[in-house]
Amino acid sequence: EENVPVVGFDLAGRPIRQGFPTITFVWDILDQAKMTALMDAWDP
């Protein structure tokens, strides 16, 4: 997971965050059927 990015700091030194969080899912290995299912679930 990546938190909302810090774009600067206010006068008190607290971070100012803007945007949305991001998450990256990782598979070490997928066989052909599971990779096809993943690609079919992703709709460009």
All heavy atoms as atom14 arrays in JSON, in Angstrom:
{
  "sequence": "EENVPVVGFDLAGRPIRQGFPTITFVWDILDQAKMTALMDAWDP",
  "atom14_mask": [
    [1, 1, 1, 1, 1, 1, 1, 1, 1, 0, 0, 0, 0, 0],
    [1, 1, 1, 1, 1, 1, 1, 1, 1, 0, 0, 0, 0, 0],
    [1, 1, 1, 1, 1, 1, 1, 1, 0, 0, 0, 0, 0, 0],
    [1, 1, 1, 1, 1, 1, 1, 0, 0, 0, 0, 0, 0, 0],
    [1, 1, 1, 1, 1, 1, 1, 0, 0, 0, 0, 0, 0, 0],
    [1, 1, 1, 1, 1, 1, 1, 0, 0, 0, 0, 0, 0, 0],
    [1, 1, 1, 1, 1, 1, 1, 0, 0, 0, 0, 0, 0, 0],
    [1, 1, 1, 1, 0, 0, 0, 0, 0, 0, 0, 0, 0, 0],
    [1, 1, 1, 1, 1, 1, 1, 1, 1, 1, 1, 0, 0, 0],
    [1, 1, 1, 1, 1, 1, 1, 1, 0, 0, 0, 0, 0, 0],
    [1, 1, 1, 1, 1, 1, 1, 1, 0, 0, 0, 0, 0, 0],
    [1, 1, 1, 1, 1, 0, 0, 0, 0, 0, 0, 0, 0, 0],
    [1, 1, 1, 1, 0, 0, 0, 0, 0, 0, 0, 0, 0, 0],
    [1, 1, 1, 1, 1, 1, 1, 1, 1, 1, 1, 0, 0, 0],
    [1, 1, 1, 1, 1, 1, 1, 0, 0, 0, 0, 0, 0, 0],
    [1, 1, 1, 1, 1, 1, 1, 1, 0, 0, 0, 0, 0, 0],
    [1, 1, 1, 1, 1, 1, 1, 1, 1, 1, 1, 0, 0, 0],
    [1, 1, 1, 1, 1, 1, 1, 1, 1, 0, 0, 0, 0, 0],
    [1, 1, 1, 1, 0, 0, 0, 0, 0, 0, 0, 0, 0, 0],
    [1, 1, 1, 1, 1, 1, 1, 1, 1, 1, 1, 0, 0, 0],
    [1, 1, 1, 1, 1, 1, 1, 0, 0, 0, 0, 0, 0, 0],
    [1, 1, 1, 1, 1, 1, 1, 0, 0, 0, 0, 0, 0, 0],
    [1, 1, 1, 1, 1, 1, 1, 1, 0, 0, 0, 0, 0, 0],
    [1, 1, 1, 1, 1, 1, 1, 0, 0, 0, 0, 0, 0, 0],
    [1, 1, 1, 1, 1, 1, 1, 1, 1, 1, 1, 0, 0, 0],
    [1, 1, 1, 1, 1, 1, 1, 0, 0, 0, 0, 0, 0, 0],
    [1, 1, 1, 1, 1, 1, 1, 1, 1, 1, 1, 1, 1, 1],
    [1, 1, 1, 1, 1, 1, 1, 1, 0, 0, 0, 0, 0, 0],
    [1, 1, 1, 1, 1, 1, 1, 1, 0, 0, 0, 0, 0, 0],
    [1, 1, 1, 1, 1, 1, 1, 1, 0, 0, 0, 0, 0, 0],
    [1, 1, 1, 1, 1, 1, 1, 1, 0, 0, 0, 0, 0, 0],
    [1, 1, 1, 1, 1, 1, 1, 1, 1, 0, 0, 0, 0, 0],
    [1, 1, 1, 1, 1, 0, 0, 0, 0, 0, 0, 0, 0, 0],
    [1, 1, 1, 1, 1, 1, 1, 1, 1, 0, 0, 0, 0, 0],
    [1, 1, 1, 1, 1, 1, 1, 1, 0, 0, 0, 0, 0, 0],
    [1, 1, 1, 1, 1, 1, 1, 0, 0, 0, 0, 0, 0, 0],
    [1, 1, 1, 1, 1, 0, 0, 0, 0, 0, 0, 0, 0, 0],
    [1, 1, 1, 1, 1, 1, 1, 1, 0, 0, 0, 0, 0, 0],
    [1, 1, 1, 1, 1, 1, 1, 1, 0, 0, 0, 0, 0, 0],
    [1, 1, 1, 1, 1, 1, 1, 1, 0, 0, 0, 0, 0, 0],
    [1, 1, 1, 1, 1, 0, 0, 0, 0, 0, 0, 0, 0, 0],
    [1, 1, 1, 1, 1, 1, 1, 1, 1, 1, 1, 1, 1, 1],
    [1, 1, 1, 1, 1, 1, 1, 1, 0, 0, 0, 0, 0, 0],
    [1, 1, 1, 1, 1, 1, 1, 0, 0, 0, 0, 0, 0, 0]
  ],
  "atom14_positions": [
    [[0.83, -1.19, 0.0], [0.0, 0.0, 0.0], [0.87, 1.25, 0.0], [1.91, 1.28, 0.65], [-0.9, 0.03, 1.23], [-1.92, -1.09, 1.26], [-2.79, -1.03, 2.48], [-3.73, -0.22, 2.51], [-2.53, -1.8, 3.4], [0.0, 0.0, 0.0], [0.0, 0.0, 0.0], [0.0, 0.0, 0.0], [0.0, 0.0, 0.0], [0.0, 0.0, 0.0]],
    [[0.44, 2.25, -0.74], [1.1, 3.55, -0.73], [0.07, 4.56, -0.26], [-1.01, 4.67, -0.82], [1.6, 3.91, -2.13], [2.61, 2.94, -2.69], [2.9, 3.18, -4.16], [2.83, 4.35, -4.6], [3.19, 2.2, -4.85], [0.0, 0.0, 0.0], [0.0, 0.0, 0.0], [0.0, 0.0, 0.0], [0.0, 0.0, 0.0], [0.0, 0.0, 0.0]],
    [[0.41, 5.32, 0.77], [-0.51, 6.29, 1.33], [-0.7, 7.47, 0.4], [-0.02, 7.6, -0.61], [-0.02, 6.77, 2.69], [-0.08, 5.66, 3.72], [-0.96, 4.82, 3.67], [0.87, 5.65, 4.64], [0.0, 0.0, 0.0], [0.0, 0.0, 0.0], [0.0, 0.0, 0.0], [0.0, 0.0, 0.0], [0.0, 0.0, 0.0], [0.0, 0.0, 0.0]],
    [[-1.62, 8.35, 0.77], [-1.85, 9.57, 0.0], [-0.55, 10.36, -0.04], [0.09, 10.56, 1.0], [-2.98, 10.4, 0.65], [-3.18, 11.69, -0.1], [-4.26, 9.58, 0.7], [0.0, 0.0, 0.0], [0.0, 0.0, 0.0], [0.0, 0.0, 0.0], [0.0, 0.0, 0.0], [0.0, 0.0, 0.0], [0.0, 0.0, 0.0], [0.0, 0.0, 0.0]],
    [[-0.11, 10.79, -1.22], [1.18, 11.48, -1.32], [1.23, 12.81, -0.56], [0.23, 13.53, -0.48], [1.33, 11.74, -2.83], [0.25, 10.99, -3.5], [-0.77, 10.62, -2.5], [0.0, 0.0, 0.0], [0.0, 0.0, 0.0], [0.0, 0.0, 0.0], [0.0, 0.0, 0.0], [0.0, 0.0, 0.0], [0.0, 0.0, 0.0], [0.0, 0.0, 0.0]],
    [[2.39, 13.12, -0.02], [2.63, 14.41, 0.64], [3.06, 15.41, -0.44], [4.0, 15.15, -1.19], [3.73, 14.28, 1.72], [4.06, 15.64, 2.31], [3.3, 13.31, 2.8], [0.0, 0.0, 0.0], [0.0, 0.0, 0.0], [0.0, 0.0, 0.0], [0.0, 0.0, 0.0], [0.0, 0.0, 0.0], [0.0, 0.0, 0.0], [0.0, 0.0, 0.0]],
    [[2.35, 16.53, -0.52], [2.66, 17.54, -1.54], [3.36, 18.77, -0.95], [3.79, 19.65, -1.68], [1.39, 17.98, -2.31], [0.83, 16.81, -3.1], [0.35, 18.55, -1.37], [0.0, 0.0, 0.0], [0.0, 0.0, 0.0], [0.0, 0.0, 0.0], [0.0, 0.0, 0.0], [0.0, 0.0, 0.0], [0.0, 0.0, 0.0], [0.0, 0.0, 0.0]],
    [[3.46, 18.82, 0.37], [4.12, 19.96, 1.02], [3.9, 19.9, 2.52], [3.42, 18.9, 3.05], [0.0, 0.0, 0.0], [0.0, 0.0, 0.0], [0.0, 0.0, 0.0], [0.0, 0.0, 0.0], [0.0, 0.0, 0.0], [0.0, 0.0, 0.0], [0.0, 0.0, 0.0], [0.0, 0.0, 0.0], [0.0, 0.0, 0.0], [0.0, 0.0, 0.0]],
    [[4.26, 20.98, 3.18], [4.11, 21.07, 4.63], [3.5, 22.41, 4.99], [3.77, 23.43, 4.32], [5.47, 20.91, 5.31], [6.08, 19.56, 5.09], [6.91, 19.33, 4.0], [5.8, 18.51, 5.94], [7.45, 18.08, 3.77], [6.34, 17.25, 5.72], [7.17, 17.03, 4.64], [0.0, 0.0, 0.0], [0.0, 0.0, 0.0], [0.0, 0.0, 0.0]],
    [[2.67, 22.42, 6.05], [2.1, 23.69, 6.5], [3.1, 24.42, 7.38], [4.22, 23.94, 7.59], [0.75, 23.47, 7.19], [0.85, 22.64, 8.47], [1.98, 22.45, 8.98], [-0.19, 22.19, 8.95], [0.0, 0.0, 0.0], [0.0, 0.0, 0.0], [0.0, 0.0, 0.0], [0.0, 0.0, 0.0], [0.0, 0.0, 0.0], [0.0, 0.0, 0.0]],
    [[2.7, 25.58, 7.9], [3.63, 26.4, 8.69], [4.05, 25.72, 9.99], [5.11, 26.03, 10.53], [2.99, 27.76, 8.98], [2.77, 28.64, 7.74], [2.03, 29.9, 8.12], [4.08, 28.95, 7.06], [0.0, 0.0, 0.0], [0.0, 0.0, 0.0], [0.0, 0.0, 0.0], [0.0, 0.0, 0.0], [0.0, 0.0, 0.0], [0.0, 0.0, 0.0]],
    [[3.23, 24.79, 10.48], [3.58, 24.07, 11.7], [4.44, 22.85, 11.41], [4.84, 22.13, 12.32], [2.31, 23.64, 12.43], [0.0, 0.0, 0.0], [0.0, 0.0, 0.0], [0.0, 0.0, 0.0], [0.0, 0.0, 0.0], [0.0, 0.0, 0.0], [0.0, 0.0, 0.0], [0.0, 0.0, 0.0], [0.0, 0.0, 0.0], [0.0, 0.0, 0.0]],
    [[4.74, 22.6, 10.14], [5.57, 21.47, 9.77], [4.82, 20.17, 9.56], [5.43, 19.12, 9.34], [0.0, 0.0, 0.0], [0.0, 0.0, 0.0], [0.0, 0.0, 0.0], [0.0, 0.0, 0.0], [0.0, 0.0, 0.0], [0.0, 0.0, 0.0], [0.0, 0.0, 0.0], [0.0, 0.0, 0.0], [0.0, 0.0, 0.0], [0.0, 0.0, 0.0]],
    [[3.48, 20.22, 9.61], [2.67, 19.01, 9.38], [2.54, 18.76, 7.88], [2.41, 19.71, 7.1], [1.29, 19.17, 10.02], [1.32, 19.23, 11.53], [-0.1, 19.28, 12.09], [-0.79, 20.48, 11.61], [-0.94, 21.6, 12.32], [-0.46, 21.68, 13.54], [-1.6, 22.63, 11.82], [0.0, 0.0, 0.0], [0.0, 0.0, 0.0], [0.0, 0.0, 0.0]],
    [[2.58, 17.51, 7.46], [2.48, 17.21, 6.03], [1.1, 17.54, 5.47], [0.09, 17.35, 6.13], [2.78, 15.72, 5.94], [2.52, 15.19, 7.29], [2.75, 16.3, 8.27], [0.0, 0.0, 0.0], [0.0, 0.0, 0.0], [0.0, 0.0, 0.0], [0.0, 0.0, 0.0], [0.0, 0.0, 0.0], [0.0, 0.0, 0.0], [0.0, 0.0, 0.0]],
    [[1.08, 18.04, 4.25], [-0.16, 18.28, 3.51], [-0.26, 17.17, 2.47], [0.63, 17.0, 1.64], [-0.14, 19.66, 2.82], [-0.01, 20.77, 3.85], [-1.39, 19.83, 1.96], [0.24, 22.13, 3.24], [0.0, 0.0, 0.0], [0.0, 0.0, 0.0], [0.0, 0.0, 0.0], [0.0, 0.0, 0.0], [0.0, 0.0, 0.0], [0.0, 0.0, 0.0]],
    [[-1.35, 16.4, 2.55], [-1.54, 15.27, 1.65], [-2.62, 15.61, 0.63], [-3.61, 16.25, 0.96], [-1.92, 14.02, 2.43], [-0.83, 13.58, 3.38], [-1.2, 12.3, 4.11], [-0.16, 11.88, 5.0], [0.89, 11.14, 4.65], [1.01, 10.75, 3.4], [1.79, 10.8, 5.53], [0.0, 0.0, 0.0], [0.0, 0.0, 0.0], [0.0, 0.0, 0.0]],
    [[-2.4, 15.16, -0.6], [-3.37, 15.41, -1.66], [-3.39, 14.21, -2.6], [-2.34, 13.7, -2.98], [-3.0, 16.67, -2.43], [-3.99, 17.06, -3.48], [-3.61, 18.37, -4.15], [-2.66, 19.03, -3.76], [-4.36, 18.74, -5.17], [0.0, 0.0, 0.0], [0.0, 0.0, 0.0], [0.0, 0.0, 0.0], [0.0, 0.0, 0.0], [0.0, 0.0, 0.0]],
    [[-4.58, 13.79, -2.97], [-4.72, 12.66, -3.88], [-5.38, 11.48, -3.21], [-6.13, 11.63, -2.25], [0.0, 0.0, 0.0], [0.0, 0.0, 0.0], [0.0, 0.0, 0.0], [0.0, 0.0, 0.0], [0.0, 0.0, 0.0], [0.0, 0.0, 0.0], [0.0, 0.0, 0.0], [0.0, 0.0, 0.0], [0.0, 0.0, 0.0], [0.0, 0.0, 0.0]],
    [[-5.08, 10.3, -3.71], [-5.7, 9.07, -3.23], [-4.62, 8.04, -2.95], [-3.55, 8.07, -3.54], [-6.64, 8.49, -4.29], [-7.85, 9.33, -4.57], [-7.81, 10.33, -5.53], [-9.02, 9.13, -3.87], [-8.92, 11.11, -5.8], [-10.14, 9.91, -4.12], [-10.09, 10.9, -5.09], [0.0, 0.0, 0.0], [0.0, 0.0, 0.0], [0.0, 0.0, 0.0]],
    [[-4.9, 7.08, -2.05], [-3.95, 5.99, -1.84], [-3.9, 5.04, -3.05], [-4.8, 5.02, -3.87], [-4.48, 5.27, -0.6], [-5.91, 5.66, -0.49], [-6.06, 6.99, -1.17], [0.0, 0.0, 0.0], [0.0, 0.0, 0.0], [0.0, 0.0, 0.0], [0.0, 0.0, 0.0], [0.0, 0.0, 0.0], [0.0, 0.0, 0.0], [0.0, 0.0, 0.0]],
    [[-2.82, 4.27, -3.13], [-2.6, 3.31, -4.21], [-2.21, 1.98, -3.58], [-1.61, 1.93, -2.51], [-1.45, 3.81, -5.12], [-1.84, 5.04, -5.68], [-1.15, 2.83, -6.22], [0.0, 0.0, 0.0], [0.0, 0.0, 0.0], [0.0, 0.0, 0.0], [0.0, 0.0, 0.0], [0.0, 0.0, 0.0], [0.0, 0.0, 0.0], [0.0, 0.0, 0.0]],
    [[-2.56, 0.9, -4.26], [-2.16, -0.43, -3.79], [-1.7, -1.24, -4.99], [-2.27, -1.14, -6.08], [-3.34, -1.11, -3.04], [-2.9, -2.37, -2.32], [-4.49, -1.39, -3.95], [-3.93, -2.9, -1.34], [0.0, 0.0, 0.0], [0.0, 0.0, 0.0], [0.0, 0.0, 0.0], [0.0, 0.0, 0.0], [0.0, 0.0, 0.0], [0.0, 0.0, 0.0]],
    [[-0.62, -2.01, -4.81], [-0.1, -2.86, -5.87], [-0.15, -4.31, -5.4], [0.44, -4.65, -4.37], [1.35, -2.48, -6.23], [1.38, -1.1, -6.6], [1.87, -3.32, -7.38], [0.0, 0.0, 0.0], [0.0, 0.0, 0.0], [0.0, 0.0, 0.0], [0.0, 0.0, 0.0], [0.0, 0.0, 0.0], [0.0, 0.0, 0.0], [0.0, 0.0, 0.0]],
    [[-0.89, -5.14, -6.13], [-0.98, -6.57, -5.83], [0.07, -7.3, -6.64], [0.29, -6.99, -7.82], [-2.37, -7.1, -6.18], [-3.46, -6.48, -5.37], [-4.19, -5.4, -5.87], [-3.76, -6.96, -4.11], [-5.2, -4.82, -5.12], [-4.76, -6.38, -3.35], [-5.49, -5.31, -3.86], [0.0, 0.0, 0.0], [0.0, 0.0, 0.0], [0.0, 0.0, 0.0]],
    [[0.74, -8.28, -6.03], [1.83, -9.0, -6.68], [1.6, -10.49, -6.57], [1.26, -11.01, -5.51], [3.19, -8.63, -6.03], [4.32, -9.4, -6.7], [3.44, -7.15, -6.11], [0.0, 0.0, 0.0], [0.0, 0.0, 0.0], [0.0, 0.0, 0.0], [0.0, 0.0, 0.0], [0.0, 0.0, 0.0], [0.0, 0.0, 0.0], [0.0, 0.0, 0.0]],
    [[1.78, -11.18, -7.7], [1.77, -12.64, -7.73], [3.17, -13.1, -8.12], [3.73, -12.61, -9.1], [0.78, -13.15, -8.78], [-0.66, -12.93, -8.44], [-1.5, -13.82, -7.85], [-1.44, -11.75, -8.67], [-2.75, -13.27, -7.7], [-2.73, -11.99, -8.19], [-1.16, -10.49, -9.24], [-3.75, -11.05, -8.27], [-2.17, -9.56, -9.3], [-3.45, -9.83, -8.83]],
    [[3.73, -14.06, -7.38], [5.04, -14.6, -7.73], [4.94, -15.41, -9.02], [5.83, -15.36, -9.86], [5.57, -15.51, -6.61], [5.86, -14.72, -5.34], [6.16, -13.51, -5.44], [5.77, -15.31, -4.25], [0.0, 0.0, 0.0], [0.0, 0.0, 0.0], [0.0, 0.0, 0.0], [0.0, 0.0, 0.0], [0.0, 0.0, 0.0], [0.0, 0.0, 0.0]],
    [[3.87, -16.18, -9.14], [3.72, -17.04, -10.32], [2.22, -17.27, -10.56], [1.45, -17.44, -9.62], [4.45, -18.39, -10.11], [4.35, -19.24, -11.36], [3.94, -19.13, -8.89], [5.23, -20.48, -11.32], [0.0, 0.0, 0.0], [0.0, 0.0, 0.0], [0.0, 0.0, 0.0], [0.0, 0.0, 0.0], [0.0, 0.0, 0.0], [0.0, 0.0, 0.0]],
    [[1.82, -17.21, -11.82], [0.46, -17.53, -12.23], [0.52, -18.47, -13.42], [1.33, -18.28, -14.32], [-0.31, -16.27, -12.65], [-0.74, -15.3, -11.55], [-1.4, -14.07, -12.18], [-1.7, -15.96, -10.58], [0.0, 0.0, 0.0], [0.0, 0.0, 0.0], [0.0, 0.0, 0.0], [0.0, 0.0, 0.0], [0.0, 0.0, 0.0], [0.0, 0.0, 0.0]],
    [[-0.34, -19.49, -13.42], [-0.39, -20.34, -14.61], [-1.26, -19.66, -15.68], [-1.83, -18.59, -15.44], [-0.88, -21.75, -14.28], [-2.31, -21.78, -13.75], [-3.07, -20.82, -13.96], [-2.66, -22.8, -13.12], [0.0, 0.0, 0.0], [0.0, 0.0, 0.0], [0.0, 0.0, 0.0], [0.0, 0.0, 0.0], [0.0, 0.0, 0.0], [0.0, 0.0, 0.0]],
    [[-1.32, -20.24, -16.86], [-2.02, -19.62, -17.98], [-3.48, -19.33, -17.66], [-3.99, -18.25, -17.97], [-1.92, -20.52, -19.21], [-2.56, -19.93, -20.45], [-1.8, -18.76, -21.03], [-0.61, -18.88, -21.28], [-2.46, -17.63, -21.23], [0.0, 0.0, 0.0], [0.0, 0.0, 0.0], [0.0, 0.0, 0.0], [0.0, 0.0, 0.0], [0.0, 0.0, 0.0]],
    [[-4.17, -20.27, -17.02], [-5.6, -20.1, -16.73], [-5.83, -18.95, -15.76], [-6.74, -18.14, -15.94], [-6.18, -21.39, -16.17], [0.0, 0.0, 0.0], [0.0, 0.0, 0.0], [0.0, 0.0, 0.0], [0.0, 0.0, 0.0], [0.0, 0.0, 0.0], [0.0, 0.0, 0.0], [0.0, 0.0, 0.0], [0.0, 0.0, 0.0], [0.0, 0.0, 0.0]],
    [[-5.0, -18.85, -14.72], [-5.17, -17.77, -13.73], [-4.78, -16.41, -14.31], [-5.4, -15.4, -14.0], [-4.37, -18.1, -12.48], [-4.97, -19.26, -11.71], [-4.12, -19.69, -10.56], [-4.76, -20.88, -9.86], [-3.88, -21.5, -8.89], [0.0, 0.0, 0.0], [0.0, 0.0, 0.0], [0.0, 0.0, 0.0], [0.0, 0.0, 0.0], [0.0, 0.0, 0.0]],
    [[-3.77, -16.38, -15.18], [-3.39, -15.12, -15.82], [-4.5, -14.68, -16.78], [-4.82, -13.49, -16.85], [-2.07, -15.29, -16.58], [-1.54, -14.01, -17.16], [-1.05, -12.83, -15.89], [-0.89, -11.35, -16.88], [0.0, 0.0, 0.0], [0.0, 0.0, 0.0], [0.0, 0.0, 0.0], [0.0, 0.0, 0.0], [0.0, 0.0, 0.0], [0.0, 0.0, 0.0]],
    [[-5.1, -15.62, -17.49], [-6.21, -15.29, -18.39], [-7.39, -14.74, -17.6], [-8.02, -13.77, -18.01], [-6.64, -16.53, -19.2], [-5.52, -16.98, -19.97], [-7.8, -16.23, -20.11], [0.0, 0.0, 0.0], [0.0, 0.0, 0.0], [0.0, 0.0, 0.0], [0.0, 0.0, 0.0], [0.0, 0.0, 0.0], [0.0, 0.0, 0.0], [0.0, 0.0, 0.0]],
    [[-7.68, -15.34, -16.44], [-8.77, -14.85, -15.59], [-8.49, -13.43, -15.11], [-9.4, -12.58, -15.07], [-8.97, -15.78, -14.39], [0.0, 0.0, 0.0], [0.0, 0.0, 0.0], [0.0, 0.0, 0.0], [0.0, 0.0, 0.0], [0.0, 0.0, 0.0], [0.0, 0.0, 0.0], [0.0, 0.0, 0.0], [0.0, 0.0, 0.0], [0.0, 0.0, 0.0]],
    [[-7.25, -13.15, -14.76], [-6.88, -11.8, -14.32], [-7.05, -10.8, -15.46], [-7.62, -9.72, -15.28], [-5.43, -11.79, -13.81], [-4.89, -10.44, -13.35], [-5.69, -9.9, -12.18], [-3.43, -10.56, -12.97], [0.0, 0.0, 0.0], [0.0, 0.0, 0.0], [0.0, 0.0, 0.0], [0.0, 0.0, 0.0], [0.0, 0.0, 0.0], [0.0, 0.0, 0.0]],
    [[-6.59, -11.15, -16.66], [-6.72, -10.25, -17.8], [-8.18, -10.06, -18.2], [-8.58, -8.97, -18.61], [-5.91, -10.77, -18.99], [-4.41, -10.73, -18.79], [-3.76, -9.07, -18.46], [-4.04, -8.26, -20.02], [0.0, 0.0, 0.0], [0.0, 0.0, 0.0], [0.0, 0.0, 0.0], [0.0, 0.0, 0.0], [0.0, 0.0, 0.0], [0.0, 0.0, 0.0]],
    [[-8.99, -11.11, -18.08], [-10.42, -10.99, -18.41], [-11.16, -10.12, -17.4], [-12.14, -9.46, -17.75], [-11.08, -12.37, -18.46], [-10.68, -13.15, -19.7], [-10.11, -12.55, -20.64], [-10.93, -14.37, -19.72], [0.0, 0.0, 0.0], [0.0, 0.0, 0.0], [0.0, 0.0, 0.0], [0.0, 0.0, 0.0], [0.0, 0.0, 0.0], [0.0, 0.0, 0.0]],
    [[-10.71, -10.11, -16.15], [-11.35, -9.29, -15.12], [-10.98, -7.82, -15.27], [-11.72, -6.95, -14.82], [-10.96, -9.79, -13.73], [0.0, 0.0, 0.0], [0.0, 0.0, 0.0], [0.0, 0.0, 0.0], [0.0, 0.0, 0.0], [0.0, 0.0, 0.0], [0.0, 0.0, 0.0], [0.0, 0.0, 0.0], [0.0, 0.0, 0.0], [0.0, 0.0, 0.0]],
    [[-9.83, -7.54, -15.9], [-9.41, -6.16, -16.13], [-9.99, -5.69, -17.45], [-9.76, -6.29, -18.49], [-7.88, -6.07, -16.16], [-7.41, -4.7, -16.52], [-7.4, -3.6, -15.7], [-6.89, -4.27, -17.77], [-6.92, -2.51, -16.39], [-6.59, -2.89, -17.67], [-6.64, -4.9, -18.99], [-6.06, -2.15, -18.71], [-6.13, -4.15, -20.04], [-5.83, -2.8, -19.89]],
    [[-10.79, -4.62, -17.4], [-11.46, -4.12, -18.6], [-10.86, -2.77, -19.0], [-11.06, -1.77, -18.31], [-12.96, -3.97, -18.33], [-13.74, -3.51, -19.54], [-13.14, -3.35, -20.62], [-14.95, -3.3, -19.39], [0.0, 0.0, 0.0], [0.0, 0.0, 0.0], [0.0, 0.0, 0.0], [0.0, 0.0, 0.0], [0.0, 0.0, 0.0], [0.0, 0.0, 0.0]],
    [[-10.11, -2.71, -20.1], [-9.49, -1.44, -20.5], [-10.5, -0.36, -20.88], [-10.19, 0.83, -20.81], [-8.62, -1.82, -21.7], [-9.19, -3.09, -22.2], [-9.81, -3.79, -21.03], [0.0, 0.0, 0.0], [0.0, 0.0, 0.0], [0.0, 0.0, 0.0], [0.0, 0.0, 0.0], [0.0, 0.0, 0.0], [0.0, 0.0, 0.0], [0.0, 0.0, 0.0]]
  ]
}
